All heavy atoms as atom14 arrays in JSON, in Angstrom:
{
  "sequence": "APKDVTLRGRAAIDWWSARVPEVVRRGTLVLAPPRDAAELTRF",
  "atom14_mask": [
    [1, 1, 1, 1, 1, 0, 0, 0, 0, 0, 0, 0, 0, 0],
    [1, 1, 1, 1, 1, 1, 1, 0, 0, 0, 0, 0, 0, 0],
    [1, 1, 1, 1, 1, 1, 1, 1, 1, 0, 0, 0, 0, 0],
    [1, 1, 1, 1, 1, 1, 1, 1, 0, 0, 0, 0, 0, 0],
    [1, 1, 1, 1, 1, 1, 1, 0, 0, 0, 0, 0, 0, 0],
    [1, 1, 1, 1, 1, 1, 1, 0, 0, 0, 0, 0, 0, 0],
    [1, 1, 1, 1, 1, 1, 1, 1, 0, 0, 0, 0, 0, 0],
    [1, 1, 1, 1, 1, 1, 1, 1, 1, 1, 1, 0, 0, 0],
    [1, 1, 1, 1, 0, 0, 0, 0, 0, 0, 0, 0, 0, 0],
    [1, 1, 1, 1, 1, 1, 1, 1, 1, 1, 1, 0, 0, 0],
    [1, 1, 1, 1, 1, 0, 0, 0, 0, 0, 0, 0, 0, 0],
    [1, 1, 1, 1, 1, 0, 0, 0, 0, 0, 0, 0, 0, 0],
    [1, 1, 1, 1, 1, 1, 1, 1, 0, 0, 0, 0, 0, 0],
    [1, 1, 1, 1, 1, 1, 1, 1, 0, 0, 0, 0, 0, 0],
    [1, 1, 1, 1, 1, 1, 1, 1, 1, 1, 1, 1, 1, 1],
    [1, 1, 1, 1, 1, 1, 1, 1, 1, 1, 1, 1, 1, 1],
    [1, 1, 1, 1, 1, 1, 0, 0, 0, 0, 0, 0, 0, 0],
    [1, 1, 1, 1, 1, 0, 0, 0, 0, 0, 0, 0, 0, 0],
    [1, 1, 1, 1, 1, 1, 1, 1, 1, 1, 1, 0, 0, 0],
    [1, 1, 1, 1, 1, 1, 1, 0, 0, 0, 0, 0, 0, 0],
    [1, 1, 1, 1, 1, 1, 1, 0, 0, 0, 0, 0, 0, 0],
    [1, 1, 1, 1, 1, 1, 1, 1, 1, 0, 0, 0, 0, 0],
    [1, 1, 1, 1, 1, 1, 1, 0, 0, 0, 0, 0, 0, 0],
    [1, 1, 1, 1, 1, 1, 1, 0, 0, 0, 0, 0, 0, 0],
    [1, 1, 1, 1, 1, 1, 1, 1, 1, 1, 1, 0, 0, 0],
    [1, 1, 1, 1, 1, 1, 1, 1, 1, 1, 1, 0, 0, 0],
    [1, 1, 1, 1, 0, 0, 0, 0, 0, 0, 0, 0, 0, 0],
    [1, 1, 1, 1, 1, 1, 1, 0, 0, 0, 0, 0, 0, 0],
    [1, 1, 1, 1, 1, 1, 1, 1, 0, 0, 0, 0, 0, 0],
    [1, 1, 1, 1, 1, 1, 1, 0, 0, 0, 0, 0, 0, 0],
    [1, 1, 1, 1, 1, 1, 1, 1, 0, 0, 0, 0, 0, 0],
    [1, 1, 1, 1, 1, 0, 0, 0, 0, 0, 0, 0, 0, 0],
    [1, 1, 1, 1, 1, 1, 1, 0, 0, 0, 0, 0, 0, 0],
    [1, 1, 1, 1, 1, 1, 1, 0, 0, 0, 0, 0, 0, 0],
    [1, 1, 1, 1, 1, 1, 1, 1, 1, 1, 1, 0, 0, 0],
    [1, 1, 1, 1, 1, 1, 1, 1, 0, 0, 0, 0, 0, 0],
    [1, 1, 1, 1, 1, 0, 0, 0, 0, 0, 0, 0, 0, 0],
    [1, 1, 1, 1, 1, 0, 0, 0, 0, 0, 0, 0, 0, 0],
    [1, 1, 1, 1, 1, 1, 1, 1, 1, 0, 0, 0, 0, 0],
    [1, 1, 1, 1, 1, 1, 1, 1, 0, 0, 0, 0, 0, 0],
    [1, 1, 1, 1, 1, 1, 1, 0, 0, 0, 0, 0, 0, 0],
    [1, 1, 1, 1, 1, 1, 1, 1, 1, 1, 1, 0, 0, 0],
    [1, 1, 1, 1, 1, 1, 1, 1, 1, 1, 1, 0, 0, 0]
  ],
  "atom14_positions": [
    [[104.95, 86.53, 91.97], [104.69, 87.93, 92.33], [105.23, 88.23, 93.72], [105.43, 87.31, 94.53], [103.18, 88.21, 92.27], [0.0, 0.0, 0.0], [0.0, 0.0, 0.0], [0.0, 0.0, 0.0], [0.0, 0.0, 0.0], [0.0, 0.0, 0.0], [0.0, 0.0, 0.0], [0.0, 0.0, 0.0], [0.0, 0.0, 0.0], [0.0, 0.0, 0.0]],
    [[105.45, 89.5, 94.05], [105.93, 89.86, 95.39], [104.94, 89.46, 96.48], [103.75, 89.25, 96.22], [106.06, 91.39, 95.31], [106.19, 91.69, 93.87], [105.37, 90.66, 93.15], [0.0, 0.0, 0.0], [0.0, 0.0, 0.0], [0.0, 0.0, 0.0], [0.0, 0.0, 0.0], [0.0, 0.0, 0.0], [0.0, 0.0, 0.0], [0.0, 0.0, 0.0]],
    [[105.44, 89.37, 97.71], [104.6, 88.97, 98.83], [103.41, 89.89, 99.02], [102.36, 89.47, 99.52], [105.43, 88.92, 100.12], [106.45, 87.8, 100.17], [107.2, 87.81, 101.5], [108.21, 86.67, 101.56], [108.95, 86.66, 102.85], [0.0, 0.0, 0.0], [0.0, 0.0, 0.0], [0.0, 0.0, 0.0], [0.0, 0.0, 0.0], [0.0, 0.0, 0.0]],
    [[103.55, 91.14, 98.62], [102.46, 92.09, 98.8], [101.21, 91.68, 98.04], [100.08, 91.95, 98.47], [102.91, 93.48, 98.36], [101.91, 94.55, 98.75], [101.67, 94.69, 99.96], [101.4, 95.23, 97.86], [0.0, 0.0, 0.0], [0.0, 0.0, 0.0], [0.0, 0.0, 0.0], [0.0, 0.0, 0.0], [0.0, 0.0, 0.0], [0.0, 0.0, 0.0]],
    [[101.39, 91.02, 96.9], [100.24, 90.54, 96.13], [99.46, 89.51, 96.93], [98.23, 89.53, 96.98], [100.69, 89.97, 94.77], [99.53, 89.29, 94.06], [101.28, 91.07, 93.9], [0.0, 0.0, 0.0], [0.0, 0.0, 0.0], [0.0, 0.0, 0.0], [0.0, 0.0, 0.0], [0.0, 0.0, 0.0], [0.0, 0.0, 0.0], [0.0, 0.0, 0.0]],
    [[100.18, 88.63, 97.61], [99.51, 87.63, 98.44], [98.83, 88.29, 99.64], [97.67, 88.0, 99.95], [100.52, 86.58, 98.93], [101.07, 85.9, 97.8], [99.86, 85.57, 99.86], [0.0, 0.0, 0.0], [0.0, 0.0, 0.0], [0.0, 0.0, 0.0], [0.0, 0.0, 0.0], [0.0, 0.0, 0.0], [0.0, 0.0, 0.0], [0.0, 0.0, 0.0]],
    [[99.53, 89.18, 100.33], [98.99, 89.79, 101.53], [97.74, 90.61, 101.23], [96.71, 90.48, 101.91], [100.05, 90.67, 102.18], [101.27, 89.94, 102.76], [102.32, 90.95, 103.25], [100.85, 89.02, 103.89], [0.0, 0.0, 0.0], [0.0, 0.0, 0.0], [0.0, 0.0, 0.0], [0.0, 0.0, 0.0], [0.0, 0.0, 0.0], [0.0, 0.0, 0.0]],
    [[97.81, 91.46, 100.21], [96.68, 92.3, 99.88], [95.59, 91.53, 99.14], [94.4, 91.82, 99.26], [97.15, 93.5, 99.07], [98.03, 94.43, 99.88], [98.74, 95.45, 98.99], [97.81, 96.33, 98.31], [97.66, 97.62, 98.61], [98.35, 98.15, 99.61], [96.83, 98.37, 97.94], [0.0, 0.0, 0.0], [0.0, 0.0, 0.0], [0.0, 0.0, 0.0]],
    [[96.0, 90.53, 98.36], [95.03, 89.75, 97.6], [94.11, 88.91, 98.47], [92.98, 88.6, 98.08], [0.0, 0.0, 0.0], [0.0, 0.0, 0.0], [0.0, 0.0, 0.0], [0.0, 0.0, 0.0], [0.0, 0.0, 0.0], [0.0, 0.0, 0.0], [0.0, 0.0, 0.0], [0.0, 0.0, 0.0], [0.0, 0.0, 0.0], [0.0, 0.0, 0.0]],
    [[94.57, 88.52, 99.65], [93.73, 87.69, 100.53], [92.43, 88.42, 100.91], [91.39, 87.79, 101.06], [94.52, 87.3, 101.78], [95.67, 86.35, 101.5], [96.49, 86.05, 102.74], [95.73, 85.24, 103.69], [96.22, 84.78, 104.84], [97.48, 85.05, 105.16], [95.49, 84.05, 105.64], [0.0, 0.0, 0.0], [0.0, 0.0, 0.0], [0.0, 0.0, 0.0]],
    [[92.5, 89.73, 101.04], [91.31, 90.49, 101.41], [90.3, 90.58, 100.27], [89.12, 90.87, 100.49], [91.71, 91.89, 101.86], [0.0, 0.0, 0.0], [0.0, 0.0, 0.0], [0.0, 0.0, 0.0], [0.0, 0.0, 0.0], [0.0, 0.0, 0.0], [0.0, 0.0, 0.0], [0.0, 0.0, 0.0], [0.0, 0.0, 0.0], [0.0, 0.0, 0.0]],
    [[90.76, 90.32, 99.04], [89.87, 90.44, 97.89], [88.73, 89.43, 97.94], [87.62, 89.7, 97.46], [90.66, 90.28, 96.6], [0.0, 0.0, 0.0], [0.0, 0.0, 0.0], [0.0, 0.0, 0.0], [0.0, 0.0, 0.0], [0.0, 0.0, 0.0], [0.0, 0.0, 0.0], [0.0, 0.0, 0.0], [0.0, 0.0, 0.0], [0.0, 0.0, 0.0]],
    [[88.98, 88.25, 98.49], [87.95, 87.22, 98.52], [86.76, 87.69, 99.34], [85.6, 87.57, 98.93], [88.52, 85.9, 99.07], [89.65, 85.41, 98.15], [87.42, 84.85, 99.19], [90.36, 84.16, 98.64], [0.0, 0.0, 0.0], [0.0, 0.0, 0.0], [0.0, 0.0, 0.0], [0.0, 0.0, 0.0], [0.0, 0.0, 0.0], [0.0, 0.0, 0.0]],
    [[87.03, 88.28, 100.52], [85.93, 88.79, 101.35], [85.27, 90.01, 100.69], [84.05, 90.19, 100.8], [86.46, 89.17, 102.74], [86.82, 87.95, 103.57], [86.28, 86.86, 103.3], [87.66, 88.09, 104.48], [0.0, 0.0, 0.0], [0.0, 0.0, 0.0], [0.0, 0.0, 0.0], [0.0, 0.0, 0.0], [0.0, 0.0, 0.0], [0.0, 0.0, 0.0]],
    [[86.07, 90.85, 100.03], [85.51, 92.04, 99.37], [84.49, 91.62, 98.32], [83.37, 92.14, 98.28], [86.63, 92.85, 98.73], [86.22, 94.22, 98.28], [86.34, 95.39, 98.98], [85.62, 94.59, 97.02], [85.87, 96.45, 98.23], [85.41, 95.98, 97.03], [85.24, 93.86, 95.89], [84.85, 96.67, 95.95], [84.67, 94.54, 94.81], [84.48, 95.92, 94.85]],
    [[84.87, 90.7, 97.47], [83.96, 90.25, 96.42], [82.76, 89.51, 97.01], [81.62, 89.69, 96.56], [84.69, 89.37, 95.42], [85.59, 90.12, 94.5], [86.96, 90.17, 94.52], [85.19, 90.97, 93.4], [87.44, 90.99, 93.53], [86.37, 91.49, 92.82], [83.96, 91.33, 92.87], [86.34, 92.35, 91.72], [83.92, 92.19, 91.77], [85.11, 92.68, 91.21]],
    [[83.0, 88.68, 98.01], [81.89, 87.91, 98.61], [80.83, 88.82, 99.21], [79.65, 88.47, 99.24], [82.44, 86.97, 99.69], [83.29, 85.99, 99.13], [0.0, 0.0, 0.0], [0.0, 0.0, 0.0], [0.0, 0.0, 0.0], [0.0, 0.0, 0.0], [0.0, 0.0, 0.0], [0.0, 0.0, 0.0], [0.0, 0.0, 0.0], [0.0, 0.0, 0.0]],
    [[81.24, 90.0, 99.69], [80.3, 90.93, 100.3], [79.47, 91.69, 99.27], [78.47, 92.32, 99.63], [81.05, 91.91, 101.2], [0.0, 0.0, 0.0], [0.0, 0.0, 0.0], [0.0, 0.0, 0.0], [0.0, 0.0, 0.0], [0.0, 0.0, 0.0], [0.0, 0.0, 0.0], [0.0, 0.0, 0.0], [0.0, 0.0, 0.0], [0.0, 0.0, 0.0]],
    [[79.87, 91.63, 98.0], [79.22, 92.47, 97.0], [78.62, 91.73, 95.82], [77.76, 92.28, 95.13], [80.23, 93.52, 96.5], [80.61, 94.54, 97.57], [81.87, 95.28, 97.23], [82.2, 96.25, 98.29], [82.82, 95.93, 99.43], [83.18, 94.67, 99.66], [83.06, 96.85, 100.34], [0.0, 0.0, 0.0], [0.0, 0.0, 0.0], [0.0, 0.0, 0.0]],
    [[79.08, 90.55, 95.53], [78.55, 89.82, 94.38], [78.21, 88.39, 94.79], [78.85, 87.82, 95.69], [79.54, 89.81, 93.2], [79.96, 91.21, 92.82], [80.76, 88.96, 93.5], [0.0, 0.0, 0.0], [0.0, 0.0, 0.0], [0.0, 0.0, 0.0], [0.0, 0.0, 0.0], [0.0, 0.0, 0.0], [0.0, 0.0, 0.0], [0.0, 0.0, 0.0]],
    [[77.22, 87.77, 94.15], [76.91, 86.38, 94.43], [77.88, 85.44, 93.71], [78.7, 85.88, 92.89], [75.49, 86.22, 93.88], [75.44, 87.21, 92.76], [76.29, 88.38, 93.18], [0.0, 0.0, 0.0], [0.0, 0.0, 0.0], [0.0, 0.0, 0.0], [0.0, 0.0, 0.0], [0.0, 0.0, 0.0], [0.0, 0.0, 0.0], [0.0, 0.0, 0.0]],
    [[77.78, 84.19, 94.02], [78.48, 83.15, 93.28], [80.0, 83.2, 93.4], [80.71, 82.79, 92.48], [78.09, 83.18, 91.8], [76.59, 83.0, 91.56], [76.2, 83.16, 90.1], [77.11, 83.38, 89.27], [75.0, 83.09, 89.8], [0.0, 0.0, 0.0], [0.0, 0.0, 0.0], [0.0, 0.0, 0.0], [0.0, 0.0, 0.0], [0.0, 0.0, 0.0]],
    [[80.52, 83.74, 94.51], [81.95, 83.56, 94.78], [82.12, 82.16, 95.34], [81.55, 81.81, 96.37], [82.47, 84.61, 95.78], [83.92, 84.3, 96.16], [82.37, 86.01, 95.17], [0.0, 0.0, 0.0], [0.0, 0.0, 0.0], [0.0, 0.0, 0.0], [0.0, 0.0, 0.0], [0.0, 0.0, 0.0], [0.0, 0.0, 0.0], [0.0, 0.0, 0.0]],
    [[82.87, 81.33, 94.63], [83.0, 79.92, 94.98], [84.28, 79.74, 95.79], [85.39, 79.95, 95.29], [83.05, 79.04, 93.71], [83.16, 77.56, 94.1], [81.81, 79.29, 92.86], [0.0, 0.0, 0.0], [0.0, 0.0, 0.0], [0.0, 0.0, 0.0], [0.0, 0.0, 0.0], [0.0, 0.0, 0.0], [0.0, 0.0, 0.0], [0.0, 0.0, 0.0]],
    [[84.12, 79.31, 97.04], [85.27, 79.12, 97.94], [85.57, 77.62, 98.07], [85.26, 77.0, 99.06], [84.98, 79.71, 99.31], [84.8, 81.23, 99.34], [84.39, 81.67, 100.74], [84.24, 83.1, 100.88], [85.08, 83.9, 101.54], [86.13, 83.38, 102.16], [84.85, 85.19, 101.64], [0.0, 0.0, 0.0], [0.0, 0.0, 0.0], [0.0, 0.0, 0.0]],
    [[86.17, 77.07, 97.05], [86.55, 75.65, 97.08], [88.03, 75.44, 96.85], [88.48, 74.33, 96.62], [85.73, 74.86, 96.04], [84.24, 74.79, 96.39], [83.48, 73.9, 95.42], [84.0, 72.52, 95.41], [83.68, 71.6, 96.29], [82.87, 71.9, 97.32], [84.17, 70.38, 96.2], [0.0, 0.0, 0.0], [0.0, 0.0, 0.0], [0.0, 0.0, 0.0]],
    [[88.8, 76.52, 96.9], [90.24, 76.39, 96.81], [90.73, 76.14, 95.39], [89.97, 76.13, 94.43], [0.0, 0.0, 0.0], [0.0, 0.0, 0.0], [0.0, 0.0, 0.0], [0.0, 0.0, 0.0], [0.0, 0.0, 0.0], [0.0, 0.0, 0.0], [0.0, 0.0, 0.0], [0.0, 0.0, 0.0], [0.0, 0.0, 0.0], [0.0, 0.0, 0.0]],
    [[92.05, 75.94, 95.31], [92.71, 75.68, 94.03], [93.53, 74.41, 94.16], [94.24, 74.21, 95.15], [93.66, 76.84, 93.65], [92.9, 78.05, 93.58], [94.34, 76.59, 92.32], [0.0, 0.0, 0.0], [0.0, 0.0, 0.0], [0.0, 0.0, 0.0], [0.0, 0.0, 0.0], [0.0, 0.0, 0.0], [0.0, 0.0, 0.0], [0.0, 0.0, 0.0]],
    [[93.44, 73.55, 93.15], [94.22, 72.31, 93.1], [95.28, 72.45, 92.02], [94.95, 72.68, 90.85], [93.31, 71.12, 92.82], [93.96, 69.73, 92.77], [94.66, 69.4, 94.09], [92.91, 68.68, 92.43], [0.0, 0.0, 0.0], [0.0, 0.0, 0.0], [0.0, 0.0, 0.0], [0.0, 0.0, 0.0], [0.0, 0.0, 0.0], [0.0, 0.0, 0.0]],
    [[96.54, 72.34, 92.4], [97.65, 72.49, 91.46], [98.24, 71.11, 91.16], [98.59, 70.36, 92.08], [98.74, 73.42, 92.03], [99.89, 73.57, 91.04], [98.14, 74.79, 92.34], [0.0, 0.0, 0.0], [0.0, 0.0, 0.0], [0.0, 0.0, 0.0], [0.0, 0.0, 0.0], [0.0, 0.0, 0.0], [0.0, 0.0, 0.0], [0.0, 0.0, 0.0]],
    [[98.35, 70.81, 89.87], [98.8, 69.49, 89.43], [99.95, 69.63, 88.43], [100.19, 70.71, 87.89], [97.65, 68.75, 88.74], [96.34, 68.59, 89.52], [95.26, 68.02, 88.61], [96.55, 67.71, 90.74], [0.0, 0.0, 0.0], [0.0, 0.0, 0.0], [0.0, 0.0, 0.0], [0.0, 0.0, 0.0], [0.0, 0.0, 0.0], [0.0, 0.0, 0.0]],
    [[100.62, 68.51, 88.19], [101.65, 68.45, 87.15], [101.72, 67.01, 86.65], [101.59, 66.06, 87.44], [103.01, 68.89, 87.7], [0.0, 0.0, 0.0], [0.0, 0.0, 0.0], [0.0, 0.0, 0.0], [0.0, 0.0, 0.0], [0.0, 0.0, 0.0], [0.0, 0.0, 0.0], [0.0, 0.0, 0.0], [0.0, 0.0, 0.0], [0.0, 0.0, 0.0]],
    [[101.92, 66.81, 85.35], [102.13, 65.45, 84.83], [103.37, 64.84, 85.46], [104.27, 65.57, 85.92], [102.32, 65.67, 83.33], [101.77, 67.04, 83.04], [101.99, 67.83, 84.29], [0.0, 0.0, 0.0], [0.0, 0.0, 0.0], [0.0, 0.0, 0.0], [0.0, 0.0, 0.0], [0.0, 0.0, 0.0], [0.0, 0.0, 0.0], [0.0, 0.0, 0.0]],
    [[103.46, 63.51, 85.5], [104.63, 62.87, 86.13], [105.97, 63.38, 85.58], [106.93, 63.55, 86.34], [104.42, 61.39, 85.8], [102.93, 61.24, 85.68], [102.45, 62.52, 85.07], [0.0, 0.0, 0.0], [0.0, 0.0, 0.0], [0.0, 0.0, 0.0], [0.0, 0.0, 0.0], [0.0, 0.0, 0.0], [0.0, 0.0, 0.0], [0.0, 0.0, 0.0]],
    [[106.03, 63.64, 84.28], [107.31, 64.08, 83.7], [107.7, 65.48, 84.16], [108.85, 65.9, 84.01], [107.21, 64.06, 82.17], [106.23, 65.06, 81.6], [106.18, 65.01, 80.08], [105.25, 65.98, 79.52], [103.95, 65.8, 79.38], [103.42, 64.63, 79.78], [103.18, 66.73, 78.87], [0.0, 0.0, 0.0], [0.0, 0.0, 0.0], [0.0, 0.0, 0.0]],
    [[106.71, 66.23, 84.69], [106.98, 67.6, 85.16], [106.85, 67.7, 86.68], [106.55, 68.77, 87.21], [106.0, 68.57, 84.5], [106.14, 68.62, 83.0], [107.29, 68.56, 82.52], [105.11, 68.69, 82.3], [0.0, 0.0, 0.0], [0.0, 0.0, 0.0], [0.0, 0.0, 0.0], [0.0, 0.0, 0.0], [0.0, 0.0, 0.0], [0.0, 0.0, 0.0]],
    [[107.11, 66.6, 87.38], [106.97, 66.59, 88.84], [107.86, 67.64, 89.51], [107.51, 68.19, 90.55], [107.3, 65.2, 89.38], [0.0, 0.0, 0.0], [0.0, 0.0, 0.0], [0.0, 0.0, 0.0], [0.0, 0.0, 0.0], [0.0, 0.0, 0.0], [0.0, 0.0, 0.0], [0.0, 0.0, 0.0], [0.0, 0.0, 0.0], [0.0, 0.0, 0.0]],
    [[109.0, 67.92, 88.89], [109.9, 68.93, 89.47], [109.23, 70.3, 89.51], [109.51, 71.12, 90.4], [111.19, 69.0, 88.66], [0.0, 0.0, 0.0], [0.0, 0.0, 0.0], [0.0, 0.0, 0.0], [0.0, 0.0, 0.0], [0.0, 0.0, 0.0], [0.0, 0.0, 0.0], [0.0, 0.0, 0.0], [0.0, 0.0, 0.0], [0.0, 0.0, 0.0]],
    [[108.34, 70.58, 88.55], [107.62, 71.85, 88.54], [106.73, 71.98, 89.77], [106.59, 73.06, 90.35], [106.78, 71.97, 87.27], [107.57, 72.31, 86.03], [108.19, 73.68, 86.1], [107.44, 74.67, 86.23], [109.43, 73.78, 86.05], [0.0, 0.0, 0.0], [0.0, 0.0, 0.0], [0.0, 0.0, 0.0], [0.0, 0.0, 0.0], [0.0, 0.0, 0.0]],
    [[106.13, 70.88, 90.18], [105.25, 70.89, 91.35], [106.05, 71.19, 92.62], [105.63, 71.97, 93.48], [104.52, 69.56, 91.47], [103.23, 69.53, 92.29], [102.2, 70.49, 91.71], [102.66, 68.11, 92.32], [0.0, 0.0, 0.0], [0.0, 0.0, 0.0], [0.0, 0.0, 0.0], [0.0, 0.0, 0.0], [0.0, 0.0, 0.0], [0.0, 0.0, 0.0]],
    [[107.22, 70.57, 92.72], [108.09, 70.82, 93.87], [108.56, 72.26, 93.9], [108.58, 72.92, 94.95], [109.3, 69.87, 93.83], [108.84, 68.52, 93.82], [110.19, 70.09, 95.03], [0.0, 0.0, 0.0], [0.0, 0.0, 0.0], [0.0, 0.0, 0.0], [0.0, 0.0, 0.0], [0.0, 0.0, 0.0], [0.0, 0.0, 0.0], [0.0, 0.0, 0.0]],
    [[108.93, 72.78, 92.73], [109.36, 74.18, 92.64], [108.23, 75.13, 93.03], [108.43, 76.08, 93.78], [109.82, 74.48, 91.21], [110.29, 75.93, 91.01], [110.34, 76.3, 89.54], [109.03, 76.21, 88.9], [108.06, 77.1, 89.03], [108.24, 78.17, 89.8], [106.9, 76.93, 88.41], [0.0, 0.0, 0.0], [0.0, 0.0, 0.0], [0.0, 0.0, 0.0]],
    [[107.01, 74.85, 92.55], [105.86, 75.69, 92.85], [105.58, 75.7, 94.35], [105.28, 76.75, 94.93], [104.64, 75.18, 92.08], [103.52, 76.17, 91.97], [103.46, 77.04, 90.9], [102.52, 76.22, 92.92], [102.42, 77.96, 90.78], [101.48, 77.13, 92.83], [101.43, 78.01, 91.75], [0.0, 0.0, 0.0], [0.0, 0.0, 0.0], [0.0, 0.0, 0.0]]
  ]
}
């Protein structure tokens, strides 16, 4: 997606946290099987 999605989307975490419970801030882990290691590098 365009950079604007990242820039504007970052504020969404605080917006939701201020209004609803159970926003889990533990990040995202991105993986790839060994045969698809190139996908991880591309990502």
